[in-house]
Every structure is written in C-alpha cells, then in structure tokens.
Amino acid sequence: MVLAMFEVLRVDATEFKKNVGDKVKKGEIIGYLKNTPVVANVSGIIQCVYFDENTHELEIIILAEKVKR
C-alpha cells in the first residue's frame, strides 16, 4: 500500500531558491529560517509555496515521492 505524505516547512522568503515542481532530496537544505538551515525530511516534489506577509516567511509543501506502509 502506498500512501501520500506531505511535509510542511517554513523558510525565510529571501532564502528560498526553489520553485513549485522542483524535486528535493531527503537531507537537502532548502532554505534558512532565522539563520538556521531548514532540511527536507523527505524526498519529493514541491507542491505549493505560500507567502506569510506578516512574518516574511514562506510555507513550503513537499509531496513525498515514495511512502510505503
């Protein structure tokens, strides 16, 4: 059985260099939040990017490539 799994991460808006549809690998640094690296915990594809204008941060949603149960 294969399940869909998402990961949601937050990064500083000025520190994010990816686009929707880009692939990310588990362990890859996808950006920084308050000068701390933000690391993807799953390999997958960036599905959505939302901008929070109050904090000037991006919320990144990654759809995992393969998740087995």
C-alpha atoms as a PDB file:
ATOM      1  CA  MET A   1       0.000   0.000   0.000  1.00  0.00           C
ATOM      2  CA  VAL A   2       1.355   3.425  -0.947  1.00  0.00           C
ATOM      3  CA  LEU A   3       0.226   6.488   0.990  1.00  0.00           C
ATOM      4  CA  ALA A   4       0.612  10.151   0.119  1.00  0.00           C
ATOM      5  CA  MET A   5       2.683  12.048   2.649  1.00  0.00           C
ATOM      6  CA  PHE A   6       3.308  15.763   2.825  1.00  0.00           C
ATOM      7  CA  GLU A   7       5.941  17.731   4.662  1.00  0.00           C
ATOM      8  CA  VAL A   8       5.390  21.386   5.514  1.00  0.00           C
ATOM      9  CA  LEU A   9       8.426  23.578   6.167  1.00  0.00           C
ATOM     10  CA  ARG A  10       8.913  27.297   6.779  1.00  0.00           C
ATOM     11  CA  VAL A  11      11.812  29.327   5.423  1.00  0.00           C
ATOM     12  CA  ASP A  12      12.740  32.998   5.210  1.00  0.00           C
ATOM     13  CA  ALA A  13      11.351  34.346   1.928  1.00  0.00           C
ATOM     14  CA  THR A  14      14.716  35.760   0.845  1.00  0.00           C
ATOM     15  CA  GLU A  15      16.487  32.424   1.457  1.00  0.00           C
ATOM     16  CA  PHE A  16      14.422  30.142  -0.807  1.00  0.00           C
ATOM     17  CA  LYS A  17      15.729  29.353  -4.293  1.00  0.00           C
ATOM     18  CA  LYS A  18      13.337  26.600  -5.474  1.00  0.00           C
ATOM     19  CA  ASN A  19      10.094  26.646  -7.467  1.00  0.00           C
ATOM     20  CA  VAL A  20       6.847  24.694  -7.443  1.00  0.00           C
ATOM     21  CA  GLY A  21       7.510  21.416  -9.263  1.00  0.00           C
ATOM     22  CA  ASP A  22      11.183  21.222  -8.281  1.00  0.00           C
ATOM     23  CA  LYS A  23      12.458  17.971  -6.804  1.00  0.00           C
ATOM     24  CA  VAL A  24      14.110  17.925  -3.392  1.00  0.00           C
ATOM     25  CA  LYS A  25      16.111  15.153  -1.774  1.00  0.00           C
ATOM     26  CA  LYS A  26      15.901  13.977   1.809  1.00  0.00           C
ATOM     27  CA  GLY A  27      18.599  15.815   3.750  1.00  0.00           C
ATOM     28  CA  GLU A  28      18.794  18.707   1.271  1.00  0.00           C
ATOM     29  CA  ILE A  29      18.929  22.218   2.697  1.00  0.00           C
ATOM     30  CA  ILE A  30      16.022  24.018   1.064  1.00  0.00           C
ATOM     31  CA  GLY A  31      16.476  27.352   2.796  1.00  0.00           C
ATOM     32  CA  TYR A  32      17.085  29.061   6.131  1.00  0.00           C
ATOM     33  CA  LEU A  33      14.859  30.242   8.942  1.00  0.00           C
ATOM     34  CA  LYS A  34      16.404  32.766  11.317  1.00  0.00           C
ATOM     35  CA  ASN A  35      19.896  31.804  10.047  1.00  0.00           C
ATOM     36  CA  THR A  36      19.276  28.092  10.756  1.00  0.00           C
ATOM     37  CA  PRO A  37      19.282  25.599   7.863  1.00  0.00           C
ATOM     38  CA  VAL A  38      15.905  24.053   7.011  1.00  0.00           C
ATOM     39  CA  VAL A  39      16.376  20.453   5.848  1.00  0.00           C
ATOM     40  CA  ALA A  40      13.886  18.341   3.891  1.00  0.00           C
ATOM     41  CA  ASN A  41      12.984  15.179   5.799  1.00  0.00           C
ATOM     42  CA  VAL A  42      11.552  13.500   2.680  1.00  0.00           C
ATOM     43  CA  SER A  43      12.466  13.256  -0.989  1.00  0.00           C
ATOM     44  CA  GLY A  44       9.725  14.620  -3.174  1.00  0.00           C
ATOM     45  CA  ILE A  45       8.339  17.447  -5.249  1.00  0.00           C
ATOM     46  CA  ILE A  46       7.447  20.948  -4.095  1.00  0.00           C
ATOM     47  CA  GLN A  47       3.657  21.185  -4.478  1.00  0.00           C
ATOM     48  CA  CYS A  48       2.861  24.633  -3.068  1.00  0.00           C
ATOM     49  CA  VAL A  49       4.563  27.732  -1.718  1.00  0.00           C
ATOM     50  CA  TYR A  50       2.622  30.199   0.425  1.00  0.00           C
ATOM     51  CA  PHE A  51       3.896  33.620   1.483  1.00  0.00           C
ATOM     52  CA  ASP A  52       3.155  34.860   5.000  1.00  0.00           C
ATOM     53  CA  GLU A  53       3.312  38.630   4.695  1.00  0.00           C
ATOM     54  CA  ASN A  54       3.301  39.138   8.471  1.00  0.00           C
ATOM     55  CA  THR A  55       6.482  37.138   9.081  1.00  0.00           C
ATOM     56  CA  HIS A  56       8.015  37.435   5.574  1.00  0.00           C
ATOM     57  CA  GLU A  57       8.327  33.627   5.557  1.00  0.00           C
ATOM     58  CA  LEU A  58       7.356  31.007   3.017  1.00  0.00           C
ATOM     59  CA  GLU A  59       5.472  27.841   3.866  1.00  0.00           C
ATOM     60  CA  ILE A  60       6.708  25.053   1.579  1.00  0.00           C
ATOM     61  CA  ILE A  61       4.632  21.905   0.994  1.00  0.00           C
ATOM     62  CA  ILE A  62       6.534  18.863  -0.296  1.00  0.00           C
ATOM     63  CA  LEU A  63       4.768  15.730  -1.577  1.00  0.00           C
ATOM     64  CA  ALA A  64       6.919  12.702  -0.742  1.00  0.00           C
ATOM     65  CA  GLU A  65       7.891  10.544  -3.734  1.00  0.00           C
ATOM     66  CA  LYS A  66       7.528   7.113  -2.173  1.00  0.00           C
ATOM     67  CA  VAL A  67       5.862   6.267   1.096  1.00  0.00           C
ATOM     68  CA  LYS A  68       5.082   2.665   1.909  1.00  0.00           C
ATOM     69  CA  ARG A  69       3.089   1.377   4.805  1.00  0.00           C
END
